[in-house]
Amino acid sequence: MSDDTASGKPDSGEEEAPRVFIVDDDEGFRDSMVMLCDSVGLETEAFASAAEFLRRFSPEMRGCLLLDVRMPGMSGLELQQELSRRNSRVPIVFMTGHGDIPMAVAAMKAGAADFLSKPFSHQELLDRIHRALRIGEREEEPRRREAEVREAYERLTPREQDVMHLVVQGAANKVIASRLGISQRTVEIHRAHAMEKMEADSLADLVRSAVVLGL
């Protein structure tokens, strides 16, 4: 956990663990939110301003952002717009005062995951945080799947890749053997190795992986 100060960014390409990022200019409120999240085992980082959060921002951030709508300097809505420009995948839960409902509606239309009107109960906040974390996990799944498929594909030998390309195009082993100038038995071996390395139990599985790879 860190409070009010931006911690160092992870090495490029390193995936961060999910956590709750809290951005609010009220120090007492930030501290109470950190304590609440800590009490249920949620990792947190807290920031006093949007600018401070942006200094910490990384495209690899995972979790959710608990964000006050009105803050000195850059507002919550302006931070949301900036994060959108930076292709952030972190779901945002906005916290608003009673008179800020129209701003919260605008934030939702711009892609925010949820909003809460102050004052709110601890349980209500935790429910919204967990919901936002689930949204983040669902959005991460295609990206995670693509990374796994690409890693598996890179383990194939060049010849296994050649065979896989032709298999997913619907070519029979005999045709593949002719095109590649190898025996049908060799094709069968390469095909079996490709299926195993790609963790494909069927041709349909292999085709799905090929779609992910854009083959």
Foldseek 3Di string as FASTA:
>chain_A
DEEAAADDEDDPPDADDAAEEEEALDRVVQVVVCVLCVVVPGHYYYHNHLVRVVVNDDLRHAAAYEAEQDDPDQGPLNSLVVVVVVVRLHAYEYEYEPPCVVVQVVVVVVPHPYYYYPPDDSVVVVVSRVVSNVVRVVVCVLVVVLVLLVVLLVPQDPVLNLLLVCVLVPDDLVVSCVVVVHDSVVSVVSPVVSCVSSVHPDSVSSNVSCVSVVD
